């Protein structure tokens, strides 16, 4: 079956499929994992922002999204996943969109900026790839660049899992305090590389601090 290319020019919207599948996702996650959510009260119930997290497994967007009540999460995923039509169809139905790693993907970045600008939640993994050892890796500047372009705040999140995603493994997801746009240190319409790096360090530092708290007893 031919794969329909993702349309980055389409209007950012939220569909019914996400809300239909969410209860099923929660049921499956509860059966398979011992998952604990901490700090969900920090998630705004309205307005657009970026939700930035460390990255451990392919199912991370789902696990993070299941902890958010009454709102949907949009997320970017590596473009290679869109080579498989079933994955491409499923991810698109639950607000996923592709981005080319290791390249300046202007279309994906513009689409990503529209998400918080339209009042929705954009999920980003600043490392750009999954960690091999479960520990936070080295972040890239994409999260700061999108926050600067969208002029939005960033809510740090950590996923802590020291057992891998095997059955009944413990997973703790912590939602931190929102970092307002004004505290990211951008001084101009087009931020400098140094400003992007400083903002990235600030955002990822908050993620690491949450991760270092470990499991919630």
N, C-alpha and C. Protein backbone atom coordinates (compact mmCIF):
# COMPACT_ATOMS: atom_id res chain seq x y z
N UNK A 1 0.84 -1.20 0.00
CA UNK A 1 0.00 0.00 0.00
C UNK A 1 0.87 1.24 0.00
N UNK A 2 0.54 2.22 -0.86
CA UNK A 2 1.33 3.44 -0.93
C UNK A 2 1.12 4.28 0.33
N UNK A 3 2.14 5.02 0.72
CA UNK A 3 2.08 5.83 1.93
C UNK A 3 1.79 7.28 1.56
N UNK A 4 0.75 7.81 2.13
CA UNK A 4 0.39 9.20 1.89
C UNK A 4 1.33 10.10 2.68
N UNK A 5 1.94 11.06 2.01
CA UNK A 5 2.87 11.97 2.65
C UNK A 5 2.15 12.88 3.64
N UNK A 6 2.81 13.18 4.74
CA UNK A 6 2.20 14.05 5.74
C UNK A 6 2.08 15.46 5.17
N UNK A 7 0.94 16.08 5.36
CA UNK A 7 0.69 17.42 4.84
C UNK A 7 0.97 18.46 5.92
N UNK A 8 2.16 19.08 5.84
CA UNK A 8 2.55 20.07 6.84
C UNK A 8 1.79 21.39 6.68
N UNK A 9 1.09 21.56 5.56
CA UNK A 9 0.39 22.81 5.31
C UNK A 9 -1.05 22.77 5.85
N UNK A 10 -1.47 21.59 6.30
CA UNK A 10 -2.83 21.49 6.82
C UNK A 10 -2.96 22.23 8.14
N UNK A 11 -4.19 22.61 8.45
CA UNK A 11 -4.45 23.30 9.72
C UNK A 11 -4.28 22.33 10.88
N UNK A 12 -3.65 22.80 11.94
CA UNK A 12 -3.48 21.97 13.13
C UNK A 12 -4.82 21.81 13.82
N UNK A 13 -5.25 20.56 13.98
CA UNK A 13 -6.53 20.28 14.63
C UNK A 13 -6.38 19.09 15.57
N UNK A 14 -7.42 18.79 16.30
CA UNK A 14 -7.46 17.60 17.15
C UNK A 14 -8.70 16.79 16.80
N UNK A 15 -8.51 15.47 16.65
CA UNK A 15 -9.61 14.62 16.22
C UNK A 15 -10.19 13.77 17.34
N UNK A 16 -11.26 13.04 16.99
CA UNK A 16 -11.95 12.20 17.96
C UNK A 16 -11.18 10.92 18.27
N UNK A 17 -10.35 10.46 17.32
CA UNK A 17 -9.65 9.17 17.50
C UNK A 17 -8.81 9.16 18.77
N UNK A 18 -8.13 10.26 19.05
CA UNK A 18 -7.29 10.36 20.25
C UNK A 18 -8.10 10.09 21.51
N UNK A 19 -9.24 10.77 21.61
CA UNK A 19 -10.08 10.61 22.81
C UNK A 19 -10.71 9.23 22.91
N UNK A 20 -10.97 8.63 21.75
CA UNK A 20 -11.54 7.27 21.74
C UNK A 20 -10.52 6.25 22.22
N UNK A 21 -9.27 6.41 21.77
CA UNK A 21 -8.22 5.44 22.10
C UNK A 21 -7.61 5.64 23.49
N UNK A 22 -7.77 6.82 24.05
CA UNK A 22 -7.13 7.12 25.34
C UNK A 22 -7.55 6.17 26.46
N UNK A 23 -8.83 5.89 26.67
CA UNK A 23 -9.22 4.94 27.72
C UNK A 23 -8.62 3.55 27.49
N UNK A 24 -8.56 3.13 26.23
CA UNK A 24 -7.95 1.83 25.92
C UNK A 24 -6.47 1.83 26.26
N UNK A 25 -5.79 2.93 25.91
CA UNK A 25 -4.37 3.05 26.23
C UNK A 25 -4.11 3.00 27.72
N UNK A 26 -4.96 3.64 28.50
CA UNK A 26 -4.81 3.62 29.96
C UNK A 26 -5.01 2.22 30.52
N UNK A 27 -5.97 1.50 29.94
CA UNK A 27 -6.25 0.13 30.39
C UNK A 27 -5.06 -0.78 30.11
N UNK A 28 -4.51 -0.68 28.90
CA UNK A 28 -3.37 -1.52 28.51
C UNK A 28 -2.13 -1.17 29.35
N UNK A 29 -1.90 0.13 29.54
CA UNK A 29 -0.73 0.56 30.33
C UNK A 29 -0.83 0.07 31.77
N UNK A 30 -2.04 0.08 32.32
CA UNK A 30 -2.24 -0.37 33.70
C UNK A 30 -2.00 -1.87 33.83
N UNK A 31 -2.37 -2.62 32.79
CA UNK A 31 -2.15 -4.07 32.80
C UNK A 31 -0.67 -4.41 32.67
N UNK A 32 0.04 -3.66 31.84
CA UNK A 32 1.41 -4.03 31.50
C UNK A 32 2.45 -3.43 32.44
N UNK A 33 2.21 -2.23 32.93
CA UNK A 33 3.22 -1.53 33.73
C UNK A 33 2.69 -1.13 35.11
N UNK A 34 3.63 -0.85 35.99
CA UNK A 34 3.30 -0.23 37.27
C UNK A 34 3.69 1.24 37.12
N UNK A 35 2.74 2.02 36.63
CA UNK A 35 3.05 3.40 36.27
C UNK A 35 2.48 4.38 37.28
N UNK A 36 3.29 5.38 37.61
CA UNK A 36 2.90 6.39 38.59
C UNK A 36 3.11 7.78 37.98
N UNK A 37 2.08 8.62 38.07
CA UNK A 37 2.18 9.99 37.57
C UNK A 37 2.28 10.94 38.75
N UNK A 38 3.21 11.87 38.65
CA UNK A 38 3.44 12.85 39.71
C UNK A 38 3.41 14.26 39.10
N UNK A 39 2.71 15.18 39.74
CA UNK A 39 2.73 16.58 39.31
C UNK A 39 1.77 16.92 38.20
N UNK A 40 0.76 16.09 37.96
CA UNK A 40 -0.20 16.37 36.88
C UNK A 40 -0.93 17.70 37.11
N UNK A 41 -0.95 18.15 38.35
CA UNK A 41 -1.61 19.43 38.64
C UNK A 41 -0.86 20.62 38.03
N UNK A 42 0.37 20.39 37.58
CA UNK A 42 1.16 21.45 36.96
C UNK A 42 0.80 21.68 35.49
N UNK A 43 -0.02 20.80 34.92
CA UNK A 43 -0.37 20.91 33.51
C UNK A 43 -1.53 21.88 33.33
N UNK A 44 -1.33 22.98 32.61
CA UNK A 44 -2.42 23.94 32.39
C UNK A 44 -3.58 23.29 31.64
N UNK A 45 -4.77 23.66 31.98
CA UNK A 45 -5.96 23.11 31.33
C UNK A 45 -6.35 23.88 30.07
N UNK A 46 -5.62 24.92 29.77
CA UNK A 46 -5.86 25.66 28.53
C UNK A 46 -4.59 26.39 28.13
N UNK A 47 -4.52 26.80 26.86
CA UNK A 47 -3.36 27.52 26.37
C UNK A 47 -2.31 26.60 25.78
N UNK A 48 -1.54 27.13 24.84
CA UNK A 48 -0.52 26.33 24.17
C UNK A 48 0.84 26.41 24.85
N UNK A 49 1.55 25.31 24.84
CA UNK A 49 2.90 25.27 25.40
C UNK A 49 3.61 24.02 24.89
N UNK A 50 4.90 23.94 25.18
CA UNK A 50 5.71 22.78 24.83
C UNK A 50 5.89 21.92 26.06
N UNK A 51 5.76 20.64 25.90
CA UNK A 51 6.03 19.68 26.95
C UNK A 51 7.30 18.94 26.54
N UNK A 52 8.39 19.12 27.28
CA UNK A 52 9.69 18.55 26.90
C UNK A 52 10.12 17.47 27.89
N UNK A 53 10.52 16.32 27.37
CA UNK A 53 10.86 15.17 28.23
C UNK A 53 12.11 14.45 27.74
N UNK A 54 12.73 13.72 28.66
CA UNK A 54 13.77 12.79 28.24
C UNK A 54 13.10 11.64 27.49
N UNK A 55 13.90 10.83 26.80
CA UNK A 55 13.32 9.84 25.88
C UNK A 55 13.94 8.47 26.12
N UNK A 56 13.09 7.48 26.41
CA UNK A 56 13.55 6.13 26.70
C UNK A 56 13.04 5.11 25.70
N UNK A 57 11.75 5.22 25.33
CA UNK A 57 11.14 4.19 24.51
C UNK A 57 10.19 4.79 23.48
N UNK A 58 9.88 4.00 22.46
CA UNK A 58 8.98 4.45 21.40
C UNK A 58 7.60 4.83 21.94
N UNK A 59 7.19 4.19 23.03
CA UNK A 59 5.86 4.46 23.57
C UNK A 59 5.82 5.66 24.51
N UNK A 60 6.92 6.39 24.65
CA UNK A 60 6.96 7.53 25.56
C UNK A 60 5.86 8.57 25.30
N UNK A 61 5.59 8.95 24.05
CA UNK A 61 4.50 9.93 23.84
C UNK A 61 3.17 9.44 24.39
N UNK A 62 2.88 8.16 24.19
CA UNK A 62 1.64 7.60 24.70
C UNK A 62 1.61 7.64 26.22
N UNK A 63 2.72 7.22 26.86
CA UNK A 63 2.77 7.17 28.31
C UNK A 63 2.60 8.55 28.92
N UNK A 64 3.24 9.55 28.31
CA UNK A 64 3.12 10.92 28.82
C UNK A 64 1.70 11.45 28.60
N UNK A 65 1.17 11.21 27.40
CA UNK A 65 -0.16 11.70 27.07
C UNK A 65 -1.25 11.12 27.93
N UNK A 66 -1.09 9.87 28.36
CA UNK A 66 -2.12 9.21 29.18
C UNK A 66 -2.26 9.87 30.56
N UNK A 67 -1.23 10.58 30.98
CA UNK A 67 -1.28 11.24 32.28
C UNK A 67 -1.89 12.63 32.24
N UNK A 68 -2.28 13.07 31.04
CA UNK A 68 -2.85 14.41 30.87
C UNK A 68 -4.36 14.30 30.72
N UNK A 69 -5.09 14.84 31.66
CA UNK A 69 -6.55 14.78 31.63
C UNK A 69 -7.12 15.90 30.76
N UNK A 70 -8.16 15.58 30.01
CA UNK A 70 -8.98 16.55 29.28
C UNK A 70 -8.25 17.32 28.17
N UNK A 71 -7.02 16.89 27.83
CA UNK A 71 -6.29 17.56 26.75
C UNK A 71 -5.55 16.52 25.91
N UNK A 72 -5.25 16.90 24.68
CA UNK A 72 -4.52 16.01 23.77
C UNK A 72 -3.08 16.48 23.63
N UNK A 73 -2.20 15.52 23.34
CA UNK A 73 -0.78 15.81 23.13
C UNK A 73 -0.43 15.59 21.66
N UNK A 74 0.21 16.58 21.06
CA UNK A 74 0.76 16.45 19.71
C UNK A 74 2.25 16.14 19.87
N UNK A 75 2.80 15.32 19.01
CA UNK A 75 4.21 14.97 19.17
C UNK A 75 4.88 14.72 17.83
N UNK A 76 6.18 14.95 17.80
CA UNK A 76 6.96 14.67 16.60
C UNK A 76 7.69 13.34 16.78
N UNK A 77 7.88 12.64 15.67
CA UNK A 77 8.58 11.35 15.69
C UNK A 77 9.48 11.28 14.46
N UNK A 78 10.49 10.45 14.53
CA UNK A 78 11.44 10.36 13.42
C UNK A 78 10.74 9.96 12.13
N UNK A 79 11.19 10.57 11.03
CA UNK A 79 10.55 10.40 9.73
C UNK A 79 10.56 8.96 9.26
N UNK A 80 11.56 8.19 9.70
CA UNK A 80 11.68 6.80 9.26
C UNK A 80 10.44 5.97 9.62
N UNK A 81 9.77 6.34 10.70
CA UNK A 81 8.58 5.59 11.11
C UNK A 81 7.44 5.73 10.11
N UNK A 82 7.46 6.80 9.33
CA UNK A 82 6.40 7.03 8.36
C UNK A 82 6.59 6.20 7.08
N UNK A 83 7.64 5.37 7.05
CA UNK A 83 7.83 4.47 5.91
C UNK A 83 6.89 3.27 6.01
N UNK A 84 6.35 3.03 7.19
CA UNK A 84 5.43 1.92 7.42
C UNK A 84 4.02 2.49 7.48
N UNK A 85 3.17 2.12 6.54
CA UNK A 85 1.88 2.79 6.40
C UNK A 85 0.99 2.64 7.62
N UNK A 86 1.06 1.49 8.31
CA UNK A 86 0.22 1.31 9.49
C UNK A 86 0.66 2.26 10.60
N UNK A 87 1.98 2.34 10.81
CA UNK A 87 2.52 3.24 11.84
C UNK A 87 2.21 4.69 11.48
N UNK A 88 2.42 5.04 10.20
CA UNK A 88 2.15 6.40 9.74
C UNK A 88 0.68 6.78 9.96
N UNK A 89 -0.21 5.87 9.62
CA UNK A 89 -1.64 6.12 9.79
C UNK A 89 -1.99 6.27 11.27
N UNK A 90 -1.48 5.34 12.10
CA UNK A 90 -1.80 5.35 13.53
C UNK A 90 -1.25 6.61 14.21
N UNK A 91 0.01 6.94 13.94
CA UNK A 91 0.61 8.12 14.57
C UNK A 91 -0.11 9.40 14.16
N UNK A 92 -0.46 9.49 12.88
CA UNK A 92 -1.15 10.69 12.40
C UNK A 92 -2.51 10.84 13.08
N UNK A 93 -3.20 9.71 13.31
CA UNK A 93 -4.51 9.73 13.95
C UNK A 93 -4.45 10.20 15.40
N UNK A 94 -3.29 10.04 16.04
CA UNK A 94 -3.16 10.47 17.44
C UNK A 94 -2.22 11.67 17.56
N UNK A 95 -2.26 12.54 16.54
CA UNK A 95 -1.57 13.84 16.55
C UNK A 95 -0.06 13.76 16.39
N UNK A 96 0.46 12.68 15.81
CA UNK A 96 1.88 12.60 15.55
C UNK A 96 2.21 13.19 14.19
N UNK A 97 3.44 13.66 14.03
CA UNK A 97 3.89 14.15 12.73
C UNK A 97 5.40 13.88 12.60
N UNK A 98 5.88 13.66 11.36
CA UNK A 98 7.27 13.27 11.16
C UNK A 98 8.25 14.44 11.09
N UNK A 99 9.47 14.17 11.52
CA UNK A 99 10.55 15.14 11.40
C UNK A 99 11.82 14.40 11.03
N UNK A 100 12.59 14.99 10.13
CA UNK A 100 13.85 14.39 9.69
C UNK A 100 14.93 14.70 10.72
N UNK A 101 15.55 13.67 11.25
CA UNK A 101 16.61 13.86 12.24
C UNK A 101 17.92 14.19 11.55
N UNK A 102 18.70 15.04 12.21
CA UNK A 102 20.01 15.39 11.68
C UNK A 102 19.96 16.29 10.46
N UNK A 103 18.82 16.95 10.25
CA UNK A 103 18.68 17.84 9.10
C UNK A 103 17.79 19.02 9.49
N UNK A 104 17.90 20.10 8.72
CA UNK A 104 17.07 21.28 8.96
C UNK A 104 15.73 21.05 8.29
N UNK A 105 14.78 20.51 9.01
CA UNK A 105 13.46 20.17 8.47
C UNK A 105 12.53 21.36 8.69
N UNK A 106 12.59 22.32 7.74
CA UNK A 106 11.85 23.58 7.89
C UNK A 106 10.34 23.35 7.98
N UNK A 107 9.82 22.45 7.17
CA UNK A 107 8.37 22.20 7.17
C UNK A 107 7.89 21.68 8.52
N UNK A 108 8.65 20.72 9.08
CA UNK A 108 8.27 20.14 10.37
C UNK A 108 8.38 21.18 11.48
N UNK A 109 9.40 22.03 11.43
CA UNK A 109 9.57 23.05 12.46
C UNK A 109 8.45 24.08 12.41
N UNK A 110 8.05 24.48 11.21
CA UNK A 110 6.96 25.45 11.09
C UNK A 110 5.65 24.85 11.60
N UNK A 111 5.43 23.58 11.27
CA UNK A 111 4.22 22.91 11.75
C UNK A 111 4.23 22.80 13.27
N UNK A 112 5.40 22.45 13.83
CA UNK A 112 5.54 22.32 15.27
C UNK A 112 5.24 23.63 15.99
N UNK A 113 5.72 24.74 15.43
CA UNK A 113 5.48 26.04 16.06
C UNK A 113 4.01 26.40 16.09
N UNK A 114 3.27 25.97 15.08
CA UNK A 114 1.84 26.29 15.01
C UNK A 114 1.04 25.63 16.15
N UNK A 115 1.53 24.50 16.63
CA UNK A 115 0.77 23.75 17.63
C UNK A 115 0.55 24.56 18.91
N UNK A 116 1.61 25.05 19.57
CA UNK A 116 1.36 25.89 20.76
C UNK A 116 0.73 27.23 20.40
N UNK A 117 1.03 27.75 19.21
CA UNK A 117 0.43 29.02 18.80
C UNK A 117 -1.09 28.90 18.68
N UNK A 118 -1.57 27.71 18.32
CA UNK A 118 -3.00 27.47 18.18
C UNK A 118 -3.65 27.08 19.52
N UNK A 119 -2.85 27.02 20.59
CA UNK A 119 -3.40 26.72 21.90
C UNK A 119 -3.32 25.26 22.30
N UNK A 120 -2.51 24.46 21.57
CA UNK A 120 -2.40 23.03 21.86
C UNK A 120 -1.07 22.71 22.55
N UNK A 121 -0.90 21.44 22.93
CA UNK A 121 0.31 20.99 23.61
C UNK A 121 1.21 20.25 22.63
N UNK A 122 2.45 20.68 22.52
CA UNK A 122 3.43 20.04 21.66
C UNK A 122 4.43 19.26 22.52
N UNK A 123 4.53 17.95 22.29
CA UNK A 123 5.50 17.13 23.00
C UNK A 123 6.80 17.02 22.23
N UNK A 124 7.92 17.26 22.91
CA UNK A 124 9.24 17.22 22.28
C UNK A 124 10.20 16.42 23.16
N UNK A 125 11.08 15.68 22.51
CA UNK A 125 12.17 15.00 23.21
C UNK A 125 13.47 15.69 22.79
N UNK A 126 14.00 16.60 23.62
CA UNK A 126 15.16 17.40 23.24
C UNK A 126 16.39 16.60 22.80
N UNK A 127 16.53 15.37 23.28
CA UNK A 127 17.69 14.56 22.89
C UNK A 127 17.62 14.13 21.43
N UNK A 128 16.41 14.09 20.88
CA UNK A 128 16.25 13.74 19.47
C UNK A 128 16.25 12.26 19.19
N UNK A 129 16.61 11.45 20.17
CA UNK A 129 16.63 10.00 20.02
C UNK A 129 16.51 9.35 21.38
N UNK A 130 16.22 8.06 21.38
CA UNK A 130 16.05 7.36 22.66
C UNK A 130 17.40 7.09 23.34
N UNK A 131 17.38 7.13 24.66
CA UNK A 131 18.57 6.81 25.44
C UNK A 131 18.82 5.31 25.43
N UNK A 132 20.06 4.91 25.30
CA UNK A 132 20.40 3.48 25.29
C UNK A 132 20.49 2.89 26.69
N UNK A 133 20.75 3.74 27.68
CA UNK A 133 20.91 3.24 29.05
C UNK A 133 19.84 3.75 30.02
N UNK A 134 18.83 4.44 29.49
CA UNK A 134 17.75 4.94 30.34
C UNK A 134 18.04 6.26 31.01
N UNK A 135 19.27 6.76 30.88
CA UNK A 135 19.65 8.02 31.51
C UNK A 135 19.52 9.16 30.50
N UNK A 136 19.23 10.38 30.97
CA UNK A 136 19.15 11.53 30.05
C UNK A 136 20.46 11.72 29.29
N UNK A 137 20.35 12.01 28.01
CA UNK A 137 21.53 12.17 27.18
C UNK A 137 21.86 13.63 26.94
N UNK A 138 22.31 13.94 25.73
CA UNK A 138 22.70 15.31 25.38
C UNK A 138 21.59 15.94 24.55
N UNK A 139 21.04 17.07 24.99
CA UNK A 139 19.93 17.70 24.25
C UNK A 139 20.40 18.50 23.04
N UNK A 140 19.50 18.64 22.08
CA UNK A 140 19.74 19.49 20.91
C UNK A 140 18.95 20.78 21.08
N UNK A 141 19.25 21.76 20.21
CA UNK A 141 18.66 23.10 20.37
C UNK A 141 17.26 23.24 19.81
N UNK A 142 16.70 22.17 19.22
CA UNK A 142 15.40 22.27 18.58
C UNK A 142 14.30 22.76 19.50
N UNK A 143 14.30 22.29 20.74
CA UNK A 143 13.24 22.69 21.68
C UNK A 143 13.27 24.19 21.92
N UNK A 144 14.47 24.76 22.06
CA UNK A 144 14.59 26.20 22.28
C UNK A 144 14.18 26.98 21.03
N UNK A 145 14.56 26.47 19.87
CA UNK A 145 14.23 27.14 18.62
C UNK A 145 12.72 27.20 18.41
N UNK A 146 12.03 26.11 18.71
CA UNK A 146 10.58 26.09 18.54
C UNK A 146 9.90 26.98 19.59
N UNK A 147 10.39 26.95 20.82
CA UNK A 147 9.82 27.81 21.87
C UNK A 147 9.98 29.27 21.51
N UNK A 148 11.14 29.62 20.94
CA UNK A 148 11.38 31.01 20.54
C UNK A 148 10.45 31.42 19.41
N UNK A 149 10.28 30.52 18.42
CA UNK A 149 9.42 30.83 17.29
C UNK A 149 7.96 30.92 17.67
N UNK A 150 7.53 30.05 18.59
CA UNK A 150 6.12 30.03 19.01
C UNK A 150 5.84 31.01 20.14
N UNK A 151 6.92 31.50 20.75
CA UNK A 151 6.80 32.41 21.90
C UNK A 151 5.93 31.79 23.00
N UNK A 152 6.32 30.59 23.41
CA UNK A 152 5.53 29.87 24.41
C UNK A 152 6.42 29.33 25.53
N UNK A 153 5.80 28.97 26.62
CA UNK A 153 6.51 28.38 27.74
C UNK A 153 6.78 26.90 27.51
N UNK A 154 7.62 26.34 28.39
CA UNK A 154 8.00 24.92 28.29
C UNK A 154 7.78 24.25 29.63
N UNK A 155 7.06 23.12 29.62
CA UNK A 155 6.84 22.36 30.84
C UNK A 155 7.75 21.13 30.81
N UNK A 156 8.71 21.03 31.73
CA UNK A 156 9.63 19.87 31.75
C UNK A 156 8.98 18.63 32.33
N UNK A 157 9.32 17.49 31.77
CA UNK A 157 8.77 16.20 32.21
C UNK A 157 9.90 15.19 32.24
N UNK A 158 9.85 14.26 33.18
CA UNK A 158 10.85 13.19 33.20
C UNK A 158 10.17 11.83 33.20
N UNK A 159 10.80 10.90 32.51
CA UNK A 159 10.37 9.51 32.53
C UNK A 159 11.48 8.72 33.21
N UNK A 160 11.14 8.09 34.32
CA UNK A 160 12.14 7.30 35.05
C UNK A 160 11.74 5.82 35.00
N UNK A 161 12.63 5.02 34.44
CA UNK A 161 12.38 3.58 34.31
C UNK A 161 13.72 2.87 34.34
N UNK A 162 14.03 2.22 35.44
CA UNK A 162 15.32 1.54 35.58
C UNK A 162 15.21 0.04 35.34
N UNK A 163 14.07 -0.40 34.78
CA UNK A 163 13.88 -1.83 34.55
C UNK A 163 13.63 -2.17 33.08
N UNK A 164 13.63 -1.15 32.19
CA UNK A 164 13.26 -1.40 30.81
C UNK A 164 11.76 -1.53 30.69
N UNK A 165 11.26 -1.63 29.46
CA UNK A 165 9.80 -1.69 29.27
C UNK A 165 9.29 -3.12 29.23
N UNK A 166 9.82 -3.95 30.12
CA UNK A 166 9.30 -5.31 30.23
C UNK A 166 8.02 -5.29 31.06
N UNK A 167 7.29 -6.39 31.03
CA UNK A 167 6.01 -6.46 31.72
C UNK A 167 6.16 -6.22 33.22
N UNK A 168 5.27 -5.40 33.75
CA UNK A 168 5.20 -5.06 35.17
C UNK A 168 6.38 -4.22 35.66
N UNK A 169 7.13 -3.63 34.74
CA UNK A 169 8.22 -2.74 35.17
C UNK A 169 7.64 -1.44 35.73
N UNK A 170 8.40 -0.82 36.63
CA UNK A 170 7.96 0.43 37.26
C UNK A 170 8.34 1.61 36.37
N UNK A 171 7.40 2.51 36.20
CA UNK A 171 7.64 3.73 35.43
C UNK A 171 7.09 4.91 36.23
N UNK A 172 7.92 5.91 36.45
CA UNK A 172 7.48 7.13 37.13
C UNK A 172 7.61 8.30 36.17
N UNK A 173 6.51 9.00 35.95
CA UNK A 173 6.49 10.16 35.07
C UNK A 173 6.18 11.39 35.92
N UNK A 174 7.09 12.36 35.89
CA UNK A 174 6.94 13.58 36.69
C UNK A 174 6.75 14.79 35.77
N UNK A 175 5.69 15.54 36.02
CA UNK A 175 5.45 16.79 35.31
C UNK A 175 5.92 17.93 36.21
N UNK A 176 6.86 18.71 35.70
CA UNK A 176 7.42 19.79 36.50
C UNK A 176 6.64 21.08 36.39
N UNK A 177 7.25 22.16 36.87
CA UNK A 177 6.64 23.49 36.82
C UNK A 177 6.92 24.12 35.45
N UNK A 178 5.94 24.85 34.96
CA UNK A 178 6.09 25.54 33.68
C UNK A 178 7.23 26.55 33.73
N UNK A 179 8.06 26.57 32.70
CA UNK A 179 9.08 27.61 32.52
C UNK A 179 8.47 28.64 31.58
N UNK A 180 8.10 29.83 32.07
CA UNK A 180 7.48 30.83 31.20
C UNK A 180 8.41 31.26 30.08
N UNK A 181 7.84 31.65 28.97
CA UNK A 181 8.63 32.10 27.82
C UNK A 181 9.60 33.21 28.23
N UNK A 182 9.14 34.11 29.09
CA UNK A 182 9.96 35.25 29.49
C UNK A 182 11.22 34.84 30.24
N UNK A 183 11.23 33.62 30.79
CA UNK A 183 12.40 33.17 31.55
C UNK A 183 13.38 32.34 30.71
N UNK A 184 13.10 32.22 29.42
CA UNK A 184 13.99 31.43 28.56
C UNK A 184 15.16 32.26 28.02
N UNK A 185 15.10 33.56 28.19
CA UNK A 185 16.26 34.40 27.88
C UNK A 185 16.40 34.87 26.45
N UNK A 186 15.32 34.83 25.68
CA UNK A 186 15.40 35.31 24.30
C UNK A 186 15.22 36.83 24.28
N UNK A 187 16.10 37.52 23.59
CA UNK A 187 16.08 38.99 23.61
C UNK A 187 15.68 39.61 22.28
N UNK A 188 15.53 38.79 21.24
CA UNK A 188 15.22 39.33 19.92
C UNK A 188 14.26 38.40 19.19
N UNK A 189 13.74 38.87 18.06
CA UNK A 189 12.83 38.06 17.25
C UNK A 189 13.52 36.79 16.78
N UNK A 190 14.79 36.89 16.46
CA UNK A 190 15.58 35.74 16.04
C UNK A 190 16.67 35.51 17.07
N UNK A 191 16.54 34.51 17.94
CA UNK A 191 17.53 34.29 19.00
C UNK A 191 18.88 33.87 18.46
N UNK A 192 19.93 34.22 19.20
CA UNK A 192 21.27 33.82 18.81
C UNK A 192 21.50 32.36 19.19
N UNK A 193 22.57 31.78 18.66
CA UNK A 193 22.92 30.41 18.99
C UNK A 193 23.17 30.29 20.50
N UNK A 194 23.82 31.31 21.06
CA UNK A 194 24.13 31.29 22.49
C UNK A 194 22.85 31.30 23.33
N UNK A 195 21.85 32.09 22.89
CA UNK A 195 20.58 32.13 23.62
C UNK A 195 19.85 30.79 23.52
N UNK A 196 19.89 30.17 22.34
CA UNK A 196 19.26 28.86 22.17
C UNK A 196 19.93 27.82 23.05
N UNK A 197 21.26 27.86 23.10
CA UNK A 197 21.99 26.89 23.93
C UNK A 197 21.69 27.10 25.41
N UNK A 198 21.62 28.36 25.85
CA UNK A 198 21.33 28.65 27.26
C UNK A 198 19.90 28.21 27.62
N UNK A 199 18.95 28.46 26.72
CA UNK A 199 17.57 28.05 26.97
C UNK A 199 17.45 26.53 27.00
N UNK A 200 18.16 25.86 26.09
CA UNK A 200 18.16 24.40 26.07
C UNK A 200 18.73 23.83 27.35
N UNK A 201 19.81 24.42 27.82
CA UNK A 201 20.43 23.97 29.07
C UNK A 201 19.49 24.16 30.26
N UNK A 202 18.77 25.27 30.26
CA UNK A 202 17.82 25.54 31.34
C UNK A 202 16.68 24.51 31.33
N UNK A 203 16.12 24.27 30.15
CA UNK A 203 15.00 23.32 30.02
C UNK A 203 15.44 21.92 30.40
N UNK A 204 16.56 21.48 29.82
CA UNK A 204 16.98 20.10 30.06
C UNK A 204 17.49 19.91 31.48
N UNK A 205 18.01 20.99 32.06
CA UNK A 205 18.44 20.91 33.45
C UNK A 205 17.27 20.61 34.37
N UNK A 206 16.11 21.20 34.07
CA UNK A 206 14.90 20.94 34.85
C UNK A 206 14.44 19.49 34.66
N UNK A 207 14.55 18.99 33.42
CA UNK A 207 14.17 17.60 33.14
C UNK A 207 15.06 16.64 33.93
N UNK A 208 16.35 16.88 33.91
CA UNK A 208 17.30 16.02 34.63
C UNK A 208 17.03 16.06 36.13
N UNK A 209 16.73 17.25 36.66
CA UNK A 209 16.45 17.37 38.10
C UNK A 209 15.23 16.54 38.48
N UNK A 210 14.22 16.53 37.63
CA UNK A 210 13.03 15.70 37.89
C UNK A 210 13.40 14.22 37.81
N UNK A 211 14.20 13.86 36.81
CA UNK A 211 14.61 12.48 36.61
C UNK A 211 15.40 11.95 37.82
N UNK A 212 16.22 12.81 38.37
CA UNK A 212 17.08 12.40 39.50
C UNK A 212 16.29 12.13 40.77
N UNK A 213 15.02 12.53 40.79
CA UNK A 213 14.17 12.21 41.95
C UNK A 213 13.80 10.73 41.97
N UNK A 214 13.98 10.05 40.83
CA UNK A 214 13.75 8.61 40.77
C UNK A 214 12.29 8.23 40.86
N UNK A 215 12.04 7.03 41.36
CA UNK A 215 10.67 6.53 41.48
C UNK A 215 9.92 7.20 42.62
N UNK A 216 8.62 7.30 42.45
CA UNK A 216 7.74 7.80 43.50
C UNK A 216 7.31 6.63 44.36
N UNK A 217 7.65 6.64 45.61
CA UNK A 217 7.31 5.52 46.51
C UNK A 217 5.84 5.57 46.92
